[in-house]
ModelCIF file with pLDDT and N, C-alpha, C, O atoms, coordinates in Angstrom:
data_MODEL
#
_entry.id   MODEL 
#
_entity.id                         1 
_entity.type                       polymer 
_entity.pdbx_number_of_molecules   1 
#
_entity_poly.entity_id                      1 
_entity_poly.type                           'polypeptide(L)' 
_entity_poly.nstd_linkage                   no 
_entity_poly.nstd_monomer                   no 
_entity_poly.pdbx_seq_one_letter_code       
;(UNK)(UNK)(UNK)(UNK)(UNK)(UNK)(UNK)(UNK)(UNK)(UNK)(UNK)(UNK)(UNK)(UNK)(UNK)(UNK)
(UNK)(UNK)(UNK)(UNK)(UNK)(UNK)(UNK)(UNK)(UNK)(UNK)(UNK)(UNK)(UNK)(UNK)(UNK)(UNK)
(UNK)
;
_entity_poly.pdbx_seq_one_letter_code_can   XXXXXXXXXXXXXXXXXXXXXXXXXXXXXXXXX 
_entity_poly.pdbx_strand_id                 A 
#
loop_
_entity_poly_seq.entity_id 
_entity_poly_seq.num 
_entity_poly_seq.mon_id 
_entity_poly_seq.hetero 
1 1  UNK n 
1 2  UNK n 
1 3  UNK n 
1 4  UNK n 
1 5  UNK n 
1 6  UNK n 
1 7  UNK n 
1 8  UNK n 
1 9  UNK n 
1 10 UNK n 
1 11 UNK n 
1 12 UNK n 
1 13 UNK n 
1 14 UNK n 
1 15 UNK n 
1 16 UNK n 
1 17 UNK n 
1 18 UNK n 
1 19 UNK n 
1 20 UNK n 
1 21 UNK n 
1 22 UNK n 
1 23 UNK n 
1 24 UNK n 
1 25 UNK n 
1 26 UNK n 
1 27 UNK n 
1 28 UNK n 
1 29 UNK n 
1 30 UNK n 
1 31 UNK n 
1 32 UNK n 
1 33 UNK n 
#
_struct_asym.id          A 
_struct_asym.entity_id   1 
#
loop_
_ma_qa_metric.id 
_ma_qa_metric.mode 
_ma_qa_metric.name 
_ma_qa_metric.software_group_id 
_ma_qa_metric.type 
1 global pLDDT . pLDDT 
2 local  pLDDT . pLDDT 
#
_ma_qa_metric_global.metric_id      1 
_ma_qa_metric_global.metric_value   96.52 
_ma_qa_metric_global.model_id       1 
_ma_qa_metric_global.ordinal_id     1 
#
loop_
_ma_qa_metric_local.label_asym_id 
_ma_qa_metric_local.label_comp_id 
_ma_qa_metric_local.label_seq_id 
_ma_qa_metric_local.metric_id 
_ma_qa_metric_local.metric_value 
_ma_qa_metric_local.model_id 
_ma_qa_metric_local.ordinal_id 
A UNK 1  2 96.00 1 1  
A UNK 2  2 95.00 1 2  
A UNK 3  2 94.00 1 3  
A UNK 4  2 95.00 1 4  
A UNK 5  2 93.00 1 5  
A UNK 6  2 95.00 1 6  
A UNK 7  2 97.00 1 7  
A UNK 8  2 97.00 1 8  
A UNK 9  2 97.00 1 9  
A UNK 10 2 96.00 1 10 
A UNK 11 2 92.00 1 11 
A UNK 12 2 94.00 1 12 
A UNK 13 2 94.00 1 13 
A UNK 14 2 96.00 1 14 
A UNK 15 2 96.00 1 15 
A UNK 16 2 97.00 1 16 
A UNK 17 2 98.00 1 17 
A UNK 18 2 98.00 1 18 
A UNK 19 2 98.00 1 19 
A UNK 20 2 98.00 1 20 
A UNK 21 2 98.00 1 21 
A UNK 22 2 98.00 1 22 
A UNK 23 2 98.00 1 23 
A UNK 24 2 98.00 1 24 
A UNK 25 2 98.00 1 25 
A UNK 26 2 97.00 1 26 
A UNK 27 2 98.00 1 27 
A UNK 28 2 98.00 1 28 
A UNK 29 2 97.00 1 29 
A UNK 30 2 97.00 1 30 
A UNK 31 2 98.00 1 31 
A UNK 32 2 97.00 1 32 
A UNK 33 2 97.00 1 33 
#
loop_
_atom_site.group_PDB 
_atom_site.id 
_atom_site.type_symbol 
_atom_site.label_atom_id 
_atom_site.label_alt_id 
_atom_site.label_comp_id 
_atom_site.label_asym_id 
_atom_site.label_entity_id 
_atom_site.label_seq_id 
_atom_site.pdbx_PDB_ins_code 
_atom_site.Cartn_x 
_atom_site.Cartn_y 
_atom_site.Cartn_z 
_atom_site.occupancy 
_atom_site.B_iso_or_equiv 
_atom_site.pdbx_formal_charge 
_atom_site.auth_seq_id 
_atom_site.auth_comp_id 
_atom_site.auth_asym_id 
_atom_site.auth_atom_id 
_atom_site.pdbx_PDB_model_num 
ATOM 1   N N  . UNK A 1 1  ? 0.851  -1.192 0.000  1.00 96.00 ? 1  UNK A N  1 
ATOM 2   C CA . UNK A 1 1  ? 0.000  0.000  0.000  1.00 96.00 ? 1  UNK A CA 1 
ATOM 3   C C  . UNK A 1 1  ? 0.886  1.241  0.000  1.00 96.00 ? 1  UNK A C  1 
ATOM 4   O O  . UNK A 1 1  ? 2.104  1.147  0.153  1.00 96.00 ? 1  UNK A O  1 
ATOM 5   N N  . UNK A 1 2  ? 0.265  2.398  -0.172 1.00 95.00 ? 2  UNK A N  1 
ATOM 6   C CA . UNK A 1 2  ? 1.000  3.660  -0.189 1.00 95.00 ? 2  UNK A CA 1 
ATOM 7   C C  . UNK A 1 2  ? 0.504  4.572  0.917  1.00 95.00 ? 2  UNK A C  1 
ATOM 8   O O  . UNK A 1 2  ? -0.675 4.568  1.273  1.00 95.00 ? 2  UNK A O  1 
ATOM 9   N N  . UNK A 1 3  ? 1.436  5.357  1.454  1.00 94.00 ? 3  UNK A N  1 
ATOM 10  C CA . UNK A 1 3  ? 1.118  6.366  2.464  1.00 94.00 ? 3  UNK A CA 1 
ATOM 11  C C  . UNK A 1 3  ? 2.008  7.574  2.219  1.00 94.00 ? 3  UNK A C  1 
ATOM 12  O O  . UNK A 1 3  ? 3.230  7.445  2.137  1.00 94.00 ? 3  UNK A O  1 
ATOM 13  N N  . UNK A 1 4  ? 1.397  8.745  2.102  1.00 95.00 ? 4  UNK A N  1 
ATOM 14  C CA . UNK A 1 4  ? 2.139  9.981  1.861  1.00 95.00 ? 4  UNK A CA 1 
ATOM 15  C C  . UNK A 1 4  ? 3.080  9.851  0.667  1.00 95.00 ? 4  UNK A C  1 
ATOM 16  O O  . UNK A 1 4  ? 4.194  10.375 0.680  1.00 95.00 ? 4  UNK A O  1 
ATOM 17  N N  . UNK A 1 5  ? 2.625  9.161  -0.343 1.00 93.00 ? 5  UNK A N  1 
ATOM 18  C CA . UNK A 1 5  ? 3.416  9.011  -1.547 1.00 93.00 ? 5  UNK A CA 1 
ATOM 19  C C  . UNK A 1 5  ? 4.488  7.948  -1.484 1.00 93.00 ? 5  UNK A C  1 
ATOM 20  O O  . UNK A 1 5  ? 5.214  7.742  -2.456 1.00 93.00 ? 5  UNK A O  1 
ATOM 21  N N  . UNK A 1 6  ? 4.601  7.260  -0.340 1.00 95.00 ? 6  UNK A N  1 
ATOM 22  C CA . UNK A 1 6  ? 5.596  6.199  -0.210 1.00 95.00 ? 6  UNK A CA 1 
ATOM 23  C C  . UNK A 1 6  ? 4.925  4.850  -0.376 1.00 95.00 ? 6  UNK A C  1 
ATOM 24  O O  . UNK A 1 6  ? 3.877  4.594  0.217  1.00 95.00 ? 6  UNK A O  1 
ATOM 25  N N  . UNK A 1 7  ? 5.530  3.981  -1.189 1.00 97.00 ? 7  UNK A N  1 
ATOM 26  C CA . UNK A 1 7  ? 4.984  2.642  -1.427 1.00 97.00 ? 7  UNK A CA 1 
ATOM 27  C C  . UNK A 1 7  ? 5.627  1.641  -0.476 1.00 97.00 ? 7  UNK A C  1 
ATOM 28  O O  . UNK A 1 7  ? 6.838  1.421  -0.511 1.00 97.00 ? 7  UNK A O  1 
ATOM 29  N N  . UNK A 1 8  ? 4.809  1.044  0.367  1.00 97.00 ? 8  UNK A N  1 
ATOM 30  C CA . UNK A 1 8  ? 5.282  -0.003 1.273  1.00 97.00 ? 8  UNK A CA 1 
ATOM 31  C C  . UNK A 1 8  ? 5.097  -1.351 0.583  1.00 97.00 ? 8  UNK A C  1 
ATOM 32  O O  . UNK A 1 8  ? 4.016  -1.659 0.080  1.00 97.00 ? 8  UNK A O  1 
ATOM 33  N N  . UNK A 1 9  ? 6.164  -2.151 0.565  1.00 97.00 ? 9  UNK A N  1 
ATOM 34  C CA . UNK A 1 9  ? 6.143  -3.433 -0.131 1.00 97.00 ? 9  UNK A CA 1 
ATOM 35  C C  . UNK A 1 9  ? 5.917  -4.582 0.859  1.00 97.00 ? 9  UNK A C  1 
ATOM 36  O O  . UNK A 1 9  ? 6.332  -4.526 2.017  1.00 97.00 ? 9  UNK A O  1 
ATOM 37  N N  . UNK A 1 10 ? 5.253  -5.612 0.365  1.00 96.00 ? 10 UNK A N  1 
ATOM 38  C CA . UNK A 1 10 ? 4.968  -6.789 1.187  1.00 96.00 ? 10 UNK A CA 1 
ATOM 39  C C  . UNK A 1 10 ? 6.258  -7.324 1.826  1.00 96.00 ? 10 UNK A C  1 
ATOM 40  O O  . UNK A 1 10 ? 7.278  -7.472 1.153  1.00 96.00 ? 10 UNK A O  1 
ATOM 41  N N  . UNK A 1 11 ? 6.197  -7.610 3.122  1.00 92.00 ? 11 UNK A N  1 
ATOM 42  C CA . UNK A 1 11 ? 7.334  -8.171 3.848  1.00 92.00 ? 11 UNK A CA 1 
ATOM 43  C C  . UNK A 1 11 ? 8.195  -7.138 4.543  1.00 92.00 ? 11 UNK A C  1 
ATOM 44  O O  . UNK A 1 11 ? 9.010  -7.495 5.393  1.00 92.00 ? 11 UNK A O  1 
ATOM 45  N N  . UNK A 1 12 ? 8.039  -5.863 4.208  1.00 94.00 ? 12 UNK A N  1 
ATOM 46  C CA . UNK A 1 12 ? 8.857  -4.839 4.854  1.00 94.00 ? 12 UNK A CA 1 
ATOM 47  C C  . UNK A 1 12 ? 8.396  -4.621 6.292  1.00 94.00 ? 12 UNK A C  1 
ATOM 48  O O  . UNK A 1 12 ? 7.239  -4.853 6.641  1.00 94.00 ? 12 UNK A O  1 
ATOM 49  N N  . UNK A 1 13 ? 9.335  -4.173 7.105  1.00 94.00 ? 13 UNK A N  1 
ATOM 50  C CA . UNK A 1 13 ? 9.045  -3.902 8.513  1.00 94.00 ? 13 UNK A CA 1 
ATOM 51  C C  . UNK A 1 13 ? 8.712  -2.424 8.692  1.00 94.00 ? 13 UNK A C  1 
ATOM 52  O O  . UNK A 1 13 ? 9.416  -1.550 8.187  1.00 94.00 ? 13 UNK A O  1 
ATOM 53  N N  . UNK A 1 14 ? 7.638  -2.163 9.413  1.00 96.00 ? 14 UNK A N  1 
ATOM 54  C CA . UNK A 1 14 ? 7.210  -0.799 9.735  1.00 96.00 ? 14 UNK A CA 1 
ATOM 55  C C  . UNK A 1 14 ? 7.230  -0.648 11.251 1.00 96.00 ? 14 UNK A C  1 
ATOM 56  O O  . UNK A 1 14 ? 6.706  -1.497 11.971 1.00 96.00 ? 14 UNK A O  1 
ATOM 57  N N  . UNK A 1 15 ? 7.835  0.434  11.733 1.00 96.00 ? 15 UNK A N  1 
ATOM 58  C CA . UNK A 1 15 ? 7.914  0.707  13.172 1.00 96.00 ? 15 UNK A CA 1 
ATOM 59  C C  . UNK A 1 15 ? 7.104  1.965  13.491 1.00 96.00 ? 15 UNK A C  1 
ATOM 60  O O  . UNK A 1 15 ? 7.580  3.072  13.239 1.00 96.00 ? 15 UNK A O  1 
ATOM 61  N N  . UNK A 1 16 ? 5.894  1.825  14.038 1.00 97.00 ? 16 UNK A N  1 
ATOM 62  C CA . UNK A 1 16 ? 5.163  2.995  14.546 1.00 97.00 ? 16 UNK A CA 1 
ATOM 63  C C  . UNK A 1 16 ? 5.771  3.428  15.891 1.00 97.00 ? 16 UNK A C  1 
ATOM 64  O O  . UNK A 1 16 ? 5.731  2.685  16.872 1.00 97.00 ? 16 UNK A O  1 
ATOM 65  N N  . UNK A 1 17 ? 6.327  4.629  15.914 1.00 98.00 ? 17 UNK A N  1 
ATOM 66  C CA . UNK A 1 17 ? 7.015  5.138  17.102 1.00 98.00 ? 17 UNK A CA 1 
ATOM 67  C C  . UNK A 1 17 ? 5.998  5.809  18.033 1.00 98.00 ? 17 UNK A C  1 
ATOM 68  O O  . UNK A 1 17 ? 5.680  6.990  17.891 1.00 98.00 ? 17 UNK A O  1 
ATOM 69  N N  . UNK A 1 18 ? 5.510  5.035  18.965 1.00 98.00 ? 18 UNK A N  1 
ATOM 70  C CA . UNK A 1 18 ? 4.487  5.512  19.893 1.00 98.00 ? 18 UNK A CA 1 
ATOM 71  C C  . UNK A 1 18 ? 5.006  6.693  20.717 1.00 98.00 ? 18 UNK A C  1 
ATOM 72  O O  . UNK A 1 18 ? 4.294  7.676  20.917 1.00 98.00 ? 18 UNK A O  1 
ATOM 73  N N  . UNK A 1 19 ? 6.248  6.591  21.194 1.00 98.00 ? 19 UNK A N  1 
ATOM 74  C CA . UNK A 1 19 ? 6.812  7.668  21.998 1.00 98.00 ? 19 UNK A CA 1 
ATOM 75  C C  . UNK A 1 19 ? 6.898  8.971  21.253 1.00 98.00 ? 19 UNK A C  1 
ATOM 76  O O  . UNK A 1 19 ? 6.708  10.038 21.838 1.00 98.00 ? 19 UNK A O  1 
ATOM 77  N N  . UNK A 1 20 ? 7.186  8.903  19.950 1.00 98.00 ? 20 UNK A N  1 
ATOM 78  C CA . UNK A 1 20 ? 7.221  10.121 19.128 1.00 98.00 ? 20 UNK A CA 1 
ATOM 79  C C  . UNK A 1 20 ? 5.822  10.674 18.919 1.00 98.00 ? 20 UNK A C  1 
ATOM 80  O O  . UNK A 1 20 ? 5.602  11.880 19.031 1.00 98.00 ? 20 UNK A O  1 
ATOM 81  N N  . UNK A 1 21 ? 4.869  9.786  18.613 1.00 98.00 ? 21 UNK A N  1 
ATOM 82  C CA . UNK A 1 21 ? 3.495  10.230 18.385 1.00 98.00 ? 21 UNK A CA 1 
ATOM 83  C C  . UNK A 1 21 ? 2.931  10.949 19.599 1.00 98.00 ? 21 UNK A C  1 
ATOM 84  O O  . UNK A 1 21 ? 2.187  11.920 19.460 1.00 98.00 ? 21 UNK A O  1 
ATOM 85  N N  . UNK A 1 22 ? 3.279  10.481 20.780 1.00 98.00 ? 22 UNK A N  1 
ATOM 86  C CA . UNK A 1 22 ? 2.767  11.073 22.016 1.00 98.00 ? 22 UNK A CA 1 
ATOM 87  C C  . UNK A 1 22 ? 3.317  12.471 22.279 1.00 98.00 ? 22 UNK A C  1 
ATOM 88  O O  . UNK A 1 22 ? 2.836  13.178 23.165 1.00 98.00 ? 22 UNK A O  1 
ATOM 89  N N  . UNK A 1 23 ? 4.333  12.867 21.502 1.00 98.00 ? 23 UNK A N  1 
ATOM 90  C CA . UNK A 1 23 ? 4.868  14.224 21.653 1.00 98.00 ? 23 UNK A CA 1 
ATOM 91  C C  . UNK A 1 23 ? 4.813  14.997 20.331 1.00 98.00 ? 23 UNK A C  1 
ATOM 92  O O  . UNK A 1 23 ? 5.621  15.894 20.093 1.00 98.00 ? 23 UNK A O  1 
ATOM 93  N N  . UNK A 1 24 ? 3.865  14.643 19.491 1.00 98.00 ? 24 UNK A N  1 
ATOM 94  C CA . UNK A 1 24 ? 3.700  15.329 18.210 1.00 98.00 ? 24 UNK A CA 1 
ATOM 95  C C  . UNK A 1 24 ? 3.231  16.759 18.464 1.00 98.00 ? 24 UNK A C  1 
ATOM 96  O O  . UNK A 1 24 ? 2.146  16.953 19.011 1.00 98.00 ? 24 UNK A O  1 
ATOM 97  N N  . UNK A 1 25 ? 4.025  17.774 18.078 1.00 98.00 ? 25 UNK A N  1 
ATOM 98  C CA . UNK A 1 25 ? 3.636  19.162 18.354 1.00 98.00 ? 25 UNK A CA 1 
ATOM 99  C C  . UNK A 1 25 ? 2.395  19.608 17.586 1.00 98.00 ? 25 UNK A C  1 
ATOM 100 O O  . UNK A 1 25 ? 1.786  20.619 17.935 1.00 98.00 ? 25 UNK A O  1 
ATOM 101 N N  . UNK A 1 26 ? 2.010  18.866 16.542 1.00 97.00 ? 26 UNK A N  1 
ATOM 102 C CA . UNK A 1 26 ? 0.784  19.212 15.821 1.00 97.00 ? 26 UNK A CA 1 
ATOM 103 C C  . UNK A 1 26 ? -0.451 18.761 16.580 1.00 97.00 ? 26 UNK A C  1 
ATOM 104 O O  . UNK A 1 26 ? -1.568 19.167 16.257 1.00 97.00 ? 26 UNK A O  1 
ATOM 105 N N  . UNK A 1 27 ? -0.255 17.925 17.585 1.00 98.00 ? 27 UNK A N  1 
ATOM 106 C CA . UNK A 1 27 ? -1.376 17.365 18.344 1.00 98.00 ? 27 UNK A CA 1 
ATOM 107 C C  . UNK A 1 27 ? -1.401 17.890 19.775 1.00 98.00 ? 27 UNK A C  1 
ATOM 108 O O  . UNK A 1 27 ? -2.470 18.116 20.342 1.00 98.00 ? 27 UNK A O  1 
ATOM 109 N N  . UNK A 1 28 ? -0.217 18.084 20.356 1.00 98.00 ? 28 UNK A N  1 
ATOM 110 C CA . UNK A 1 28 ? -0.121 18.482 21.755 1.00 98.00 ? 28 UNK A CA 1 
ATOM 111 C C  . UNK A 1 28 ? 0.593  19.823 21.882 1.00 98.00 ? 28 UNK A C  1 
ATOM 112 O O  . UNK A 1 28 ? 1.677  20.016 21.332 1.00 98.00 ? 28 UNK A O  1 
ATOM 113 N N  . UNK A 1 29 ? -0.019 20.732 22.604 1.00 97.00 ? 29 UNK A N  1 
ATOM 114 C CA . UNK A 1 29 ? 0.617  21.998 22.925 1.00 97.00 ? 29 UNK A CA 1 
ATOM 115 C C  . UNK A 1 29 ? 1.742  21.766 23.921 1.00 97.00 ? 29 UNK A C  1 
ATOM 116 O O  . UNK A 1 29 ? 1.571  21.048 24.905 1.00 97.00 ? 29 UNK A O  1 
ATOM 117 N N  . UNK A 1 30 ? 2.908  22.384 23.659 1.00 97.00 ? 30 UNK A N  1 
ATOM 118 C CA . UNK A 1 30 ? 4.047  22.244 24.568 1.00 97.00 ? 30 UNK A CA 1 
ATOM 119 C C  . UNK A 1 30 ? 4.278  20.770 24.913 1.00 97.00 ? 30 UNK A C  1 
ATOM 120 O O  . UNK A 1 30 ? 4.239  20.404 26.088 1.00 97.00 ? 30 UNK A O  1 
ATOM 121 N N  . UNK A 1 31 ? 4.518  19.917 23.908 1.00 98.00 ? 31 UNK A N  1 
ATOM 122 C CA . UNK A 1 31 ? 4.502  18.461 24.125 1.00 98.00 ? 31 UNK A CA 1 
ATOM 123 C C  . UNK A 1 31 ? 5.605  17.946 25.022 1.00 98.00 ? 31 UNK A C  1 
ATOM 124 O O  . UNK A 1 31 ? 5.461  16.863 25.589 1.00 98.00 ? 31 UNK A O  1 
ATOM 125 N N  . UNK A 1 32 ? 6.706  18.675 25.178 1.00 97.00 ? 32 UNK A N  1 
ATOM 126 C CA . UNK A 1 32 ? 7.832  18.181 25.963 1.00 97.00 ? 32 UNK A CA 1 
ATOM 127 C C  . UNK A 1 32 ? 7.761  18.614 27.427 1.00 97.00 ? 32 UNK A C  1 
ATOM 128 O O  . UNK A 1 32 ? 8.730  18.474 28.173 1.00 97.00 ? 32 UNK A O  1 
ATOM 129 N N  . UNK A 1 33 ? 6.609  19.141 27.826 1.00 97.00 ? 33 UNK A N  1 
ATOM 130 C CA . UNK A 1 33 ? 6.382  19.514 29.222 1.00 97.00 ? 33 UNK A CA 1 
ATOM 131 C C  . UNK A 1 33 ? 5.233  18.703 29.777 1.00 97.00 ? 33 UNK A C  1 
ATOM 132 O O  . UNK A 1 33 ? 4.873  18.860 30.944 1.00 97.00 ? 33 UNK A O  1 
#
C-alpha cells in the first residue's frame, strides 16, 4: 500500500514510534512539558 506518496512493499518492517506520536507538536501543545 502507499502512504504519503511512499509505497510499502509486502514483507517490509514498519515501526510505529508511539513515543514520538505522544509528543507530536501538531497534536499536543508544549509536548515536551
